[in-house]
PDB file of N, CA and C in Angstrom:
ATOM      1  N   UNK A   1      62.662 -68.858 279.904  1.00  0.00           N
ATOM      2  CA  UNK A   1      61.587 -69.999 279.670  1.00  0.00           C
ATOM      3  C   UNK A   1      61.680 -70.547 281.243  1.00  0.00           C
ATOM      4  N   UNK A   2      60.689 -71.275 281.554  1.00  0.00           N
ATOM      5  CA  UNK A   2      60.266 -72.098 282.830  1.00  0.00           C
ATOM      6  C   UNK A   2      60.248 -73.220 282.112  1.00  0.00           C
ATOM      7  N   UNK A   3      60.391 -74.505 283.370  1.00  0.00           N
ATOM      8  CA  UNK A   3      60.289 -75.521 283.183  1.00  0.00           C
ATOM      9  C   UNK A   3      59.007 -76.265 283.162  1.00  0.00           C
ATOM     10  N   UNK A   4      59.018 -77.606 282.633  1.00  0.00           N
ATOM     11  CA  UNK A   4      57.886 -78.528 282.757  1.00  0.00           C
ATOM     12  C   UNK A   4      57.871 -79.305 283.492  1.00  0.00           C
ATOM     13  N   UNK A   5      57.242 -79.582 284.812  1.00  0.00           N
ATOM     14  CA  UNK A   5      57.651 -81.430 285.404  1.00  0.00           C
ATOM     15  C   UNK A   5      55.958 -81.802 284.590  1.00  0.00           C
ATOM     16  N   UNK A   6      56.219 -83.084 284.237  1.00  0.00           N
ATOM     17  CA  UNK A   6      55.322 -83.992 284.204  1.00  0.00           C
ATOM     18  C   UNK A   6      55.529 -84.919 285.173  1.00  0.00           C
ATOM     19  N   UNK A   7      54.012 -85.292 285.686  1.00  0.00           N
ATOM     20  CA  UNK A   7      53.832 -86.074 286.695  1.00  0.00           C
ATOM     21  C   UNK A   7      53.162 -87.022 286.360  1.00  0.00           C
ATOM     22  N   UNK A   8      53.401 -88.760 286.466  1.00  0.00           N
ATOM     23  CA  UNK A   8      53.149 -89.664 285.660  1.00  0.00           C
ATOM     24  C   UNK A   8      52.715 -90.635 286.979  1.00  0.00           C
ATOM     25  N   UNK A   9      51.129 -90.834 286.292  1.00  0.00           N
ATOM     26  CA  UNK A   9      50.276 -91.806 287.757  1.00  0.00           C
ATOM     27  C   UNK A   9      50.120 -93.042 287.294  1.00  0.00           C
ATOM     28  N   UNK A  10      50.731 -94.242 287.438  1.00  0.00           N
ATOM     29  CA  UNK A  10      50.308 -95.504 287.096  1.00  0.00           C
ATOM     30  C   UNK A  10      51.575 -96.722 286.972  1.00  0.00           C
ATOM     31  N   UNK A  11      51.986 -97.561 286.410  1.00  0.00           N
ATOM     32  CA  UNK A  11      52.683 -98.868 286.072  1.00  0.00           C
ATOM     33  C   UNK A  11      53.871 -98.014 285.724  1.00  0.00           C
ATOM     34  N   UNK A  12      54.238 -97.053 285.271  1.00  0.00           N
ATOM     35  CA  UNK A  12      55.453 -96.817 284.835  1.00  0.00           C
ATOM     36  C   UNK A  12      56.090 -95.972 285.898  1.00  0.00           C
ATOM     37  N   UNK A  13      56.898 -97.070 286.403  1.00  0.00           N
ATOM     38  CA  UNK A  13      58.020 -95.603 287.294  1.00  0.00           C
ATOM     39  C   UNK A  13      58.628 -94.603 287.083  1.00  0.00           C
ATOM     40  N   UNK A  14      59.351 -95.452 285.849  1.00  0.00           N
ATOM     41  CA  UNK A  14      60.340 -94.091 285.059  1.00  0.00           C
ATOM     42  C   UNK A  14      59.587 -93.072 284.857  1.00  0.00           C
ATOM     43  N   UNK A  15      58.962 -92.920 283.700  1.00  0.00           N
ATOM     44  CA  UNK A  15      58.089 -91.722 282.737  1.00  0.00           C
ATOM     45  C   UNK A  15      59.133 -92.113 281.542  1.00  0.00           C
ATOM     46  N   UNK A  16      59.667 -93.103 281.332  1.00  0.00           N
ATOM     47  CA  UNK A  16      60.598 -92.646 280.072  1.00  0.00           C
ATOM     48  C   UNK A  16      59.170 -92.798 278.789  1.00  0.00           C
ATOM     49  N   UNK A  17      58.527 -93.426 279.027  1.00  0.00           N
ATOM     50  CA  UNK A  17      57.437 -93.735 277.761  1.00  0.00           C
ATOM     51  C   UNK A  17      56.457 -92.120 277.625  1.00  0.00           C
ATOM     52  N   UNK A  18      56.544 -91.493 278.499  1.00  0.00           N
ATOM     53  CA  UNK A  18      55.912 -90.129 278.860  1.00  0.00           C
ATOM     54  C   UNK A  18      56.851 -89.236 278.338  1.00  0.00           C
ATOM     55  N   UNK A  19      57.555 -89.555 278.856  1.00  0.00           N
ATOM     56  CA  UNK A  19      58.388 -88.614 278.461  1.00  0.00           C
ATOM     57  C   UNK A  19      59.498 -88.467 277.280  1.00  0.00           C
ATOM     58  N   UNK A  20      58.729 -89.618 276.307  1.00  0.00           N
ATOM     59  CA  UNK A  20      59.592 -89.970 274.727  1.00  0.00           C
ATOM     60  C   UNK A  20      58.059 -89.456 273.938  1.00  0.00           C
ATOM     61  N   UNK A  21      57.122 -89.091 274.341  1.00  0.00           N
ATOM     62  CA  UNK A  21      56.253 -89.229 274.236  1.00  0.00           C
ATOM     63  C   UNK A  21      55.768 -87.270 274.290  1.00  0.00           C
ATOM     64  N   UNK A  22      55.963 -87.080 275.375  1.00  0.00           N
ATOM     65  CA  UNK A  22      56.095 -85.464 274.974  1.00  0.00           C
ATOM     66  C   UNK A  22      57.423 -84.785 274.074  1.00  0.00           C
ATOM     67  N   UNK A  23      58.496 -85.653 274.069  1.00  0.00           N
ATOM     68  CA  UNK A  23      59.620 -85.231 273.408  1.00  0.00           C
ATOM     69  C   UNK A  23      59.173 -85.381 272.175  1.00  0.00           C
ATOM     70  N   UNK A  24      58.435 -86.322 271.390  1.00  0.00           N
ATOM     71  CA  UNK A  24      57.735 -86.412 270.105  1.00  0.00           C
ATOM     72  C   UNK A  24      56.749 -85.396 269.712  1.00  0.00           C
ATOM     73  N   UNK A  25      55.776 -85.087 270.660  1.00  0.00           N
ATOM     74  CA  UNK A  25      54.849 -84.082 270.387  1.00  0.00           C
ATOM     75  C   UNK A  25      55.749 -82.877 270.003  1.00  0.00           C
ATOM     76  N   UNK A  26      56.485 -82.389 270.960  1.00  0.00           N
ATOM     77  CA  UNK A  26      57.110 -81.293 270.964  1.00  0.00           C
ATOM     78  C   UNK A  26      57.901 -80.799 269.957  1.00  0.00           C
ATOM     79  N   UNK A  27      58.685 -81.926 269.101  1.00  0.00           N
ATOM     80  CA  UNK A  27      59.298 -82.197 267.929  1.00  0.00           C
ATOM     81  C   UNK A  27      58.301 -81.570 266.793  1.00  0.00           C
ATOM     82  N   UNK A  28      57.126 -82.010 267.176  1.00  0.00           N
ATOM     83  CA  UNK A  28      55.784 -81.580 265.662  1.00  0.00           C
ATOM     84  C   UNK A  28      56.140 -80.464 266.248  1.00  0.00           C
ATOM     85  N   UNK A  29      55.649 -80.004 267.388  1.00  0.00           N
ATOM     86  CA  UNK A  29      55.099 -78.615 267.384  1.00  0.00           C
ATOM     87  C   UNK A  29      56.031 -77.526 266.807  1.00  0.00           C
ATOM     88  N   UNK A  30      57.414 -78.377 267.093  1.00  0.00           N
ATOM     89  CA  UNK A  30      58.614 -76.781 266.740  1.00  0.00           C
ATOM     90  C   UNK A  30      58.390 -77.310 265.454  1.00  0.00           C
ATOM     91  N   UNK A  31      58.554 -78.255 264.821  1.00  0.00           N
ATOM     92  CA  UNK A  31      58.869 -78.056 263.241  1.00  0.00           C
ATOM     93  C   UNK A  31      57.411 -77.389 262.740  1.00  0.00           C
ATOM     94  N   UNK A  32      56.106 -77.410 263.082  1.00  0.00           N
ATOM     95  CA  UNK A  32      55.137 -76.796 262.598  1.00  0.00           C
ATOM     96  C   UNK A  32      55.523 -75.581 261.860  1.00  0.00           C
ATOM     97  N   UNK A  33      56.072 -74.514 262.436  1.00  0.00           N
ATOM     98  CA  UNK A  33      56.185 -73.574 261.482  1.00  0.00           C
ATOM     99  C   UNK A  33      57.207 -73.285 260.360  1.00  0.00           C
ATOM    100  N   UNK A  34      57.934 -74.401 260.262  1.00  0.00           N
ATOM    101  CA  UNK A  34      59.081 -74.296 259.312  1.00  0.00           C
ATOM    102  C   UNK A  34      58.148 -75.088 258.301  1.00  0.00           C
ATOM    103  N   UNK A  35      57.236 -75.988 258.578  1.00  0.00           N
ATOM    104  CA  UNK A  35      56.726 -76.488 257.499  1.00  0.00           C
ATOM    105  C   UNK A  35      55.430 -75.905 257.081  1.00  0.00           C
ATOM    106  N   UNK A  36      54.599 -74.961 257.487  1.00  0.00           N
ATOM    107  CA  UNK A  36      53.968 -73.874 257.072  1.00  0.00           C
ATOM    108  C   UNK A  36      55.084 -72.994 256.018  1.00  0.00           C
ATOM    109  N   UNK A  37      56.159 -72.791 256.515  1.00  0.00           N
ATOM    110  CA  UNK A  37      56.792 -71.491 255.593  1.00  0.00           C
ATOM    111  C   UNK A  37      56.860 -72.522 254.243  1.00  0.00           C
ATOM    112  N   UNK A  38      57.227 -73.789 254.436  1.00  0.00           N
ATOM    113  CA  UNK A  38      58.198 -74.347 253.106  1.00  0.00           C
ATOM    114  C   UNK A  38      56.341 -74.616 252.426  1.00  0.00           C
ATOM    115  N   UNK A  39      55.329 -74.685 252.864  1.00  0.00           N
ATOM    116  CA  UNK A  39      54.474 -74.556 251.619  1.00  0.00           C
ATOM    117  C   UNK A  39      53.715 -73.523 251.462  1.00  0.00           C
ATOM    118  N   UNK A  40      53.964 -72.440 252.198  1.00  0.00           N
ATOM    119  CA  UNK A  40      53.533 -71.271 251.380  1.00  0.00           C
ATOM    120  C   UNK A  40      54.811 -70.995 250.519  1.00  0.00           C
ATOM    121  N   UNK A  41      55.918 -71.136 250.519  1.00  0.00           N
ATOM    122  CA  UNK A  41      57.141 -70.874 249.726  1.00  0.00           C
ATOM    123  C   UNK A  41      56.718 -71.782 248.808  1.00  0.00           C
ATOM    124  N   UNK A  42      56.575 -73.347 248.599  1.00  0.00           N
ATOM    125  CA  UNK A  42      55.732 -73.918 247.492  1.00  0.00           C
ATOM    126  C   UNK A  42      54.950 -73.094 246.481  1.00  0.00           C
ATOM    127  N   UNK A  43      53.503 -72.934 247.506  1.00  0.00           N
ATOM    128  CA  UNK A  43      52.735 -72.418 247.144  1.00  0.00           C
ATOM    129  C   UNK A  43      53.004 -70.875 245.806  1.00  0.00           C
ATOM    130  N   UNK A  44      53.734 -70.531 246.662  1.00  0.00           N
ATOM    131  CA  UNK A  44      54.453 -68.965 246.044  1.00  0.00           C
ATOM    132  C   UNK A  44      54.741 -69.378 244.502  1.00  0.00           C
ATOM    133  N   UNK A  45      55.745 -70.439 244.680  1.00  0.00           N
ATOM    134  CA  UNK A  45      56.397 -70.631 243.502  1.00  0.00           C
ATOM    135  C   UNK A  45      55.550 -71.564 242.479  1.00  0.00           C
ATOM    136  N   UNK A  46      55.079 -72.213 242.953  1.00  0.00           N
ATOM    137  CA  UNK A  46      53.960 -73.223 242.008  1.00  0.00           C
ATOM    138  C   UNK A  46      52.846 -71.403 241.032  1.00  0.00           C
ATOM    139  N   UNK A  47      52.469 -70.803 242.050  1.00  0.00           N
ATOM    140  CA  UNK A  47      51.685 -69.670 241.726  1.00  0.00           C
ATOM    141  C   UNK A  47      52.398 -68.758 240.590  1.00  0.00           C
ATOM    142  N   UNK A  48      53.863 -68.580 240.591  1.00  0.00           N
ATOM    143  CA  UNK A  48      54.190 -67.758 239.682  1.00  0.00           C
ATOM    144  C   UNK A  48      54.907 -68.505 239.120  1.00  0.00           C
ATOM    145  N   UNK A  49      55.111 -70.110 238.639  1.00  0.00           N
ATOM    146  CA  UNK A  49      55.286 -71.074 237.485  1.00  0.00           C
ATOM    147  C   UNK A  49      54.196 -70.934 236.510  1.00  0.00           C
ATOM    148  N   UNK A  50      53.050 -70.922 237.238  1.00  0.00           N
ATOM    149  CA  UNK A  50      51.578 -70.662 236.350  1.00  0.00           C
ATOM    150  C   UNK A  50      51.552 -69.552 235.493  1.00  0.00           C
ATOM    151  N   UNK A  51      51.727 -68.149 236.616  1.00  0.00           N
ATOM    152  CA  UNK A  51      51.338 -66.637 235.906  1.00  0.00           C
ATOM    153  C   UNK A  51      52.410 -66.859 234.895  1.00  0.00           C
ATOM    154  N   UNK A  52      53.377 -67.307 234.535  1.00  0.00           N
ATOM    155  CA  UNK A  52      54.635 -67.100 234.123  1.00  0.00           C
ATOM    156  C   UNK A  52      54.354 -67.390 232.353  1.00  0.00           C
ATOM    157  N   UNK A  53      54.261 -69.158 232.521  1.00  0.00           N
ATOM    158  CA  UNK A  53      53.203 -70.025 232.045  1.00  0.00           C
ATOM    159  C   UNK A  53      52.183 -69.086 231.172  1.00  0.00           C
ATOM    160  N   UNK A  54      51.244 -68.969 231.666  1.00  0.00           N
ATOM    161  CA  UNK A  54      50.117 -68.405 231.267  1.00  0.00           C
ATOM    162  C   UNK A  54      50.350 -67.132 230.508  1.00  0.00           C
ATOM    163  N   UNK A  55      51.236 -66.114 230.674  1.00  0.00           N
ATOM    164  CA  UNK A  55      51.722 -65.015 230.326  1.00  0.00           C
ATOM    165  C   UNK A  55      52.232 -65.183 228.857  1.00  0.00           C
ATOM    166  N   UNK A  56      53.376 -66.220 228.837  1.00  0.00           N
ATOM    167  CA  UNK A  56      53.775 -66.879 227.523  1.00  0.00           C
ATOM    168  C   UNK A  56      53.156 -67.587 226.967  1.00  0.00           C
ATOM    169  N   UNK A  57      51.673 -68.490 227.162  1.00  0.00           N
ATOM    170  CA  UNK A  57      50.635 -68.749 226.127  1.00  0.00           C
ATOM    171  C   UNK A  57      50.065 -67.771 225.157  1.00  0.00           C
ATOM    172  N   UNK A  58      49.261 -66.646 226.156  1.00  0.00           N
ATOM    173  CA  UNK A  58      48.694 -65.425 225.853  1.00  0.00           C
ATOM    174  C   UNK A  58      50.202 -65.022 224.952  1.00  0.00           C
ATOM    175  N   UNK A  59      50.845 -63.944 225.194  1.00  0.00           N
ATOM    176  CA  UNK A  59      51.620 -63.801 224.401  1.00  0.00           C
ATOM    177  C   UNK A  59      51.423 -64.737 222.922  1.00  0.00           C
ATOM    178  N   UNK A  60      51.970 -65.774 223.057  1.00  0.00           N
ATOM    179  CA  UNK A  60      52.371 -66.812 222.122  1.00  0.00           C
ATOM    180  C   UNK A  60      50.820 -66.696 220.843  1.00  0.00           C
ATOM    181  N   UNK A  61      49.886 -66.572 221.427  1.00  0.00           N
ATOM    182  CA  UNK A  61      48.727 -66.399 220.884  1.00  0.00           C
ATOM    183  C   UNK A  61      48.427 -65.247 220.364  1.00  0.00           C
ATOM    184  N   UNK A  62      48.432 -64.345 220.923  1.00  0.00           N
ATOM    185  CA  UNK A  62      48.972 -62.636 220.579  1.00  0.00           C
ATOM    186  C   UNK A  62      49.484 -62.678 219.118  1.00  0.00           C
ATOM    187  N   UNK A  63      50.857 -63.126 219.628  1.00  0.00           N
ATOM    188  CA  UNK A  63      51.625 -63.062 218.309  1.00  0.00           C
ATOM    189  C   UNK A  63      50.634 -64.080 216.794  1.00  0.00           C
ATOM    190  N   UNK A  64      50.102 -65.171 217.154  1.00  0.00           N
ATOM    191  CA  UNK A  64      50.158 -65.971 216.088  1.00  0.00           C
ATOM    192  C   UNK A  64      48.744 -64.876 215.483  1.00  0.00           C
ATOM    193  N   UNK A  65      47.707 -64.149 216.271  1.00  0.00           N
ATOM    194  CA  UNK A  65      46.596 -63.267 215.721  1.00  0.00           C
ATOM    195  C   UNK A  65      47.058 -62.553 215.019  1.00  0.00           C
ATOM    196  N   UNK A  66      48.189 -61.671 215.553  1.00  0.00           N
ATOM    197  CA  UNK A  66      48.704 -60.819 214.944  1.00  0.00           C
ATOM    198  C   UNK A  66      49.422 -61.217 213.244  1.00  0.00           C
ATOM    199  N   UNK A  67      50.064 -62.353 213.279  1.00  0.00           N
ATOM    200  CA  UNK A  67      50.528 -62.796 211.976  1.00  0.00           C
ATOM    201  C   UNK A  67      48.943 -63.141 211.184  1.00  0.00           C
ATOM    202  N   UNK A  68      48.331 -63.825 211.595  1.00  0.00           N
ATOM    203  CA  UNK A  68      46.905 -64.031 210.676  1.00  0.00           C
ATOM    204  C   UNK A  68      46.144 -62.878 210.293  1.00  0.00           C
ATOM    205  N   UNK A  69      45.836 -61.676 210.856  1.00  0.00           N
ATOM    206  CA  UNK A  69      45.470 -60.711 210.680  1.00  0.00           C
ATOM    207  C   UNK A  69      46.281 -59.976 209.223  1.00  0.00           C
ATOM    208  N   UNK A  70      47.223 -59.874 209.662  1.00  0.00           N
ATOM    209  CA  UNK A  70      48.486 -59.508 208.593  1.00  0.00           C
ATOM    210  C   UNK A  70      48.729 -59.860 207.343  1.00  0.00           C
ATOM    211  N   UNK A  71      48.387 -61.622 207.830  1.00  0.00           N
ATOM    212  CA  UNK A  71      48.084 -62.275 206.238  1.00  0.00           C
ATOM    213  C   UNK A  71      47.484 -62.234 205.562  1.00  0.00           C
ATOM    214  N   UNK A  72      46.338 -62.265 206.321  1.00  0.00           N
ATOM    215  CA  UNK A  72      44.690 -62.093 205.627  1.00  0.00           C
ATOM    216  C   UNK A  72      44.277 -59.900 205.147  1.00  0.00           C
ATOM    217  N   UNK A  73      45.205 -59.261 205.527  1.00  0.00           N
ATOM    218  CA  UNK A  73      45.522 -58.188 205.181  1.00  0.00           C
ATOM    219  C   UNK A  73      46.173 -58.209 203.446  1.00  0.00           C
ATOM    220  N   UNK A  74      47.258 -59.008 203.576  1.00  0.00           N
ATOM    221  CA  UNK A  74      48.171 -58.612 202.571  1.00  0.00           C
ATOM    222  C   UNK A  74      47.447 -59.414 201.062  1.00  0.00           C
ATOM    223  N   UNK A  75      46.545 -60.317 201.773  1.00  0.00           N
ATOM    224  CA  UNK A  75      45.959 -61.091 200.861  1.00  0.00           C
ATOM    225  C   UNK A  75      44.594 -60.227 200.256  1.00  0.00           C
ATOM    226  N   UNK A  76      44.451 -59.683 201.004  1.00  0.00           N
ATOM    227  CA  UNK A  76      42.628 -58.972 200.443  1.00  0.00           C
ATOM    228  C   UNK A  76      43.877 -57.527 199.481  1.00  0.00           C
ATOM    229  N   UNK A  77      44.649 -56.878 200.240  1.00  0.00           N
ATOM    230  CA  UNK A  77      45.432 -55.795 198.891  1.00  0.00           C
ATOM    231  C   UNK A  77      46.295 -56.475 197.847  1.00  0.00           C
ATOM    232  N   UNK A  78      46.961 -57.454 198.305  1.00  0.00           N
ATOM    233  CA  UNK A  78      47.662 -57.657 196.604  1.00  0.00           C
ATOM    234  C   UNK A  78      47.253 -58.929 196.006  1.00  0.00           C
ATOM    235  N   UNK A  79      47.212 -58.574 194.603  1.00  0.00           N
ATOM    236  CA  UNK A  79      46.403 -59.560 194.032  1.00  0.00           C
ATOM    237  C   UNK A  79      47.203 -60.763 193.846  1.00  0.00           C
ATOM    238  N   UNK A  80      46.412 -61.301 193.656  1.00  0.00           N
ATOM    239  CA  UNK A  80      47.126 -63.154 193.108  1.00  0.00           C
ATOM    240  C   UNK A  80      47.547 -63.091 192.122  1.00  0.00           C
ATOM    241  N   UNK A  81      48.529 -64.641 191.908  1.00  0.00           N
ATOM    242  CA  UNK A  81      49.129 -64.617 190.530  1.00  0.00           C
ATOM    243  C   UNK A  81      48.741 -64.664 189.393  1.00  0.00           C
ATOM    244  N   UNK A  82      47.391 -64.896 189.040  1.00  0.00           N
ATOM    245  CA  UNK A  82      46.813 -64.800 187.922  1.00  0.00           C
ATOM    246  C   UNK A  82      46.750 -63.316 187.461  1.00  0.00           C
ATOM    247  N   UNK A  83      46.224 -62.402 188.672  1.00  0.00           N
ATOM    248  CA  UNK A  83      45.442 -61.414 188.438  1.00  0.00           C
ATOM    249  C   UNK A  83      47.068 -60.129 187.925  1.00  0.00           C
ATOM    250  N   UNK A  84      48.006 -60.715 188.705  1.00  0.00           N
ATOM    251  CA  UNK A  84      48.881 -60.024 188.717  1.00  0.00           C
ATOM    252  C   UNK A  84      49.873 -60.401 187.144  1.00  0.00           C
ATOM    253  N   UNK A  85      49.589 -61.309 186.803  1.00  0.00           N
ATOM    254  CA  UNK A  85      50.327 -62.141 185.566  1.00  0.00           C
ATOM    255  C   UNK A  85      49.322 -61.443 184.269  1.00  0.00           C
ATOM    256  N   UNK A  86      48.094 -61.552 184.365  1.00  0.00           N
ATOM    257  CA  UNK A  86      47.143 -60.642 183.467  1.00  0.00           C
ATOM    258  C   UNK A  86      47.830 -59.156 183.369  1.00  0.00           C
ATOM    259  N   UNK A  87      47.932 -58.539 184.486  1.00  0.00           N
ATOM    260  CA  UNK A  87      47.845 -57.097 184.422  1.00  0.00           C
ATOM    261  C   UNK A  87      49.302 -56.424 183.976  1.00  0.00           C
ATOM    262  N   UNK A  88      50.310 -57.565 184.169  1.00  0.00           N
ATOM    263  CA  UNK A  88      51.717 -57.344 183.258  1.00  0.00           C
ATOM    264  C   UNK A  88      51.505 -57.436 182.000  1.00  0.00           C
ATOM    265  N   UNK A  89      50.707 -58.845 181.120  1.00  0.00           N
ATOM    266  CA  UNK A  89      50.355 -59.142 179.997  1.00  0.00           C
ATOM    267  C   UNK A  89      49.674 -58.118 179.335  1.00  0.00           C
ATOM    268  N   UNK A  90      48.727 -56.895 180.144  1.00  0.00           N
ATOM    269  CA  UNK A  90      48.012 -56.322 179.539  1.00  0.00           C
ATOM    270  C   UNK A  90      49.225 -54.879 179.241  1.00  0.00           C
ATOM    271  N   UNK A  91      49.858 -54.660 180.448  1.00  0.00           N
ATOM    272  CA  UNK A  91      51.006 -53.452 179.981  1.00  0.00           C
ATOM    273  C   UNK A  91      52.042 -53.972 179.206  1.00  0.00           C
ATOM    274  N   UNK A  92      52.615 -54.905 179.054  1.00  0.00           N
ATOM    275  CA  UNK A  92      53.423 -54.988 177.997  1.00  0.00           C
ATOM    276  C   UNK A  92      52.950 -55.702 177.032  1.00  0.00           C
ATOM    277  N   UNK A  93      52.239 -56.182 177.002  1.00  0.00           N
ATOM    278  CA  UNK A  93      51.968 -57.391 175.552  1.00  0.00           C
ATOM    279  C   UNK A  93      50.740 -56.616 174.419  1.00  0.00           C
ATOM    280  N   UNK A  94      50.313 -55.591 175.059  1.00  0.00           N
ATOM    281  CA  UNK A  94      49.554 -55.099 173.871  1.00  0.00           C
ATOM    282  C   UNK A  94      49.877 -54.191 172.731  1.00  0.00           C
ATOM    283  N   UNK A  95      49.963 -54.537 171.655  1.00  0.00           N
ATOM    284  CA  UNK A  95      50.589 -53.397 170.545  1.00  0.00           C
ATOM    285  C   UNK A  95      49.770 -52.230 170.254  1.00  0.00           C
ATOM    286  N   UNK A  96      48.456 -52.565 170.455  1.00  0.00           N
ATOM    287  CA  UNK A  96      47.852 -51.133 170.277  1.00  0.00           C
ATOM    288  C   UNK A  96      47.805 -49.927 171.411  1.00  0.00           C
ATOM    289  N   UNK A  97      48.018 -50.545 172.362  1.00  0.00           N
ATOM    290  CA  UNK A  97      48.041 -50.084 173.743  1.00  0.00           C
ATOM    291  C   UNK A  97      49.311 -48.795 173.689  1.00  0.00           C
ATOM    292  N   UNK A  98      50.346 -49.604 172.625  1.00  0.00           N
ATOM    293  CA  UNK A  98      52.082 -49.074 172.679  1.00  0.00           C
ATOM    294  C   UNK A  98      51.760 -48.187 171.423  1.00  0.00           C
ATOM    295  N   UNK A  99      50.856 -48.245 170.721  1.00  0.00           N
ATOM    296  CA  UNK A  99      51.062 -47.346 169.645  1.00  0.00           C
ATOM    297  C   UNK A  99      50.082 -46.578 170.106  1.00  0.00           C
ATOM    298  N   UNK A 100      49.211 -46.759 170.846  1.00  0.00           N
ATOM    299  CA  UNK A 100      48.447 -45.038 171.619  1.00  0.00           C
ATOM    300  C   UNK A 100      49.456 -44.590 172.160  1.00  0.00           C
ATOM    301  N   UNK A 101      50.289 -45.274 172.980  1.00  0.00           N
ATOM    302  CA  UNK A 101      51.399 -44.313 173.840  1.00  0.00           C
ATOM    303  C   UNK A 101      52.025 -43.559 173.195  1.00  0.00           C
ATOM    304  N   UNK A 102      52.602 -44.624 171.846  1.00  0.00           N
ATOM    305  CA  UNK A 102      53.884 -43.045 171.188  1.00  0.00           C
ATOM    306  C   UNK A 102      52.822 -42.301 170.397  1.00  0.00           C
ATOM    307  N   UNK A 103      51.670 -42.342 169.792  1.00  0.00           N
ATOM    308  CA  UNK A 103      50.990 -41.437 169.222  1.00  0.00           C
ATOM    309  C   UNK A 103      50.658 -39.990 170.511  1.00  0.00           C
ATOM    310  N   UNK A 104      50.489 -40.783 171.454  1.00  0.00           N
ATOM    311  CA  UNK A 104      50.260 -39.811 172.520  1.00  0.00           C
ATOM    312  C   UNK A 104      51.712 -38.577 172.893  1.00  0.00           C
ATOM    313  N   UNK A 105      52.701 -39.661 173.054  1.00  0.00           N
ATOM    314  CA  UNK A 105      53.769 -38.654 173.336  1.00  0.00           C
ATOM    315  C   UNK A 105      54.345 -38.251 172.263  1.00  0.00           C
ATOM    316  N   UNK A 106      54.228 -38.639 170.809  1.00  0.00           N
ATOM    317  CA  UNK A 106      54.214 -37.633 169.481  1.00  0.00           C
ATOM    318  C   UNK A 106      53.507 -35.976 169.670  1.00  0.00           C
ATOM    319  N   UNK A 107      52.190 -36.627 169.390  1.00  0.00           N
ATOM    320  CA  UNK A 107      51.495 -35.642 169.830  1.00  0.00           C
ATOM    321  C   UNK A 107      51.848 -34.326 171.195  1.00  0.00           C
ATOM    322  N   UNK A 108      52.028 -34.543 171.939  1.00  0.00           N
ATOM    323  CA  UNK A 108      52.990 -34.075 173.269  1.00  0.00           C
ATOM    324  C   UNK A 108      54.114 -33.405 172.825  1.00  0.00           C
ATOM    325  N   UNK A 109      54.953 -34.270 171.705  1.00  0.00           N
ATOM    326  CA  UNK A 109      56.284 -33.914 172.060  1.00  0.00           C
ATOM    327  C   UNK A 109      55.920 -32.539 170.850  1.00  0.00           C
ATOM    328  N   UNK A 110      54.977 -32.300 169.336  1.00  0.00           N
ATOM    329  CA  UNK A 110      54.742 -31.298 168.876  1.00  0.00           C
ATOM    330  C   UNK A 110      54.180 -30.179 169.473  1.00  0.00           C
ATOM    331  N   UNK A 111      53.560 -30.665 169.958  1.00  0.00           N
ATOM    332  CA  UNK A 111      52.577 -28.859 171.296  1.00  0.00           C
ATOM    333  C   UNK A 111      53.327 -28.456 171.717  1.00  0.00           C
ATOM    334  N   UNK A 112      54.530 -28.960 172.394  1.00  0.00           N
ATOM    335  CA  UNK A 112      55.345 -28.427 172.718  1.00  0.00           C
ATOM    336  C   UNK A 112      56.282 -27.434 172.522  1.00  0.00           C
ATOM    337  N   UNK A 113      56.440 -27.771 171.527  1.00  0.00           N
ATOM    338  CA  UNK A 113      57.626 -27.262 170.408  1.00  0.00           C
ATOM    339  C   UNK A 113      56.781 -25.479 170.072  1.00  0.00           C
ATOM    340  N   UNK A 114      57.627 -24.657 170.356  1.00  0.00           N
ATOM    341  CA  UNK A 114      56.983 -23.151 169.239  1.00  0.00           C
ATOM    342  C   UNK A 114      57.087 -22.737 168.507  1.00  0.00           C
TER     343      UNK A 114
END
């Protein structure tokens, strides 16, 4: 690399202020690529974080929707408590139905003997 000569015209014979200004601006220019790299990394990290949060939120919403659909389907297929109790009462507490079942069993027993 070559060197840069600074020629100062004016009241400052030593050129210290100009040299300091050039050194300061050179530092800023030299740090610019690393600052851009840091900014790009921060944007990538933030974007990845937001993407992950969005995916988790969507998965949670789908799980809740699946549970809601399943609960609705079960509620439609399974009878309610009152309906279940009345079916049990009809099948177990009906004396007339029990006698008819006994008569059918007796008729079937006699009909199958030779």
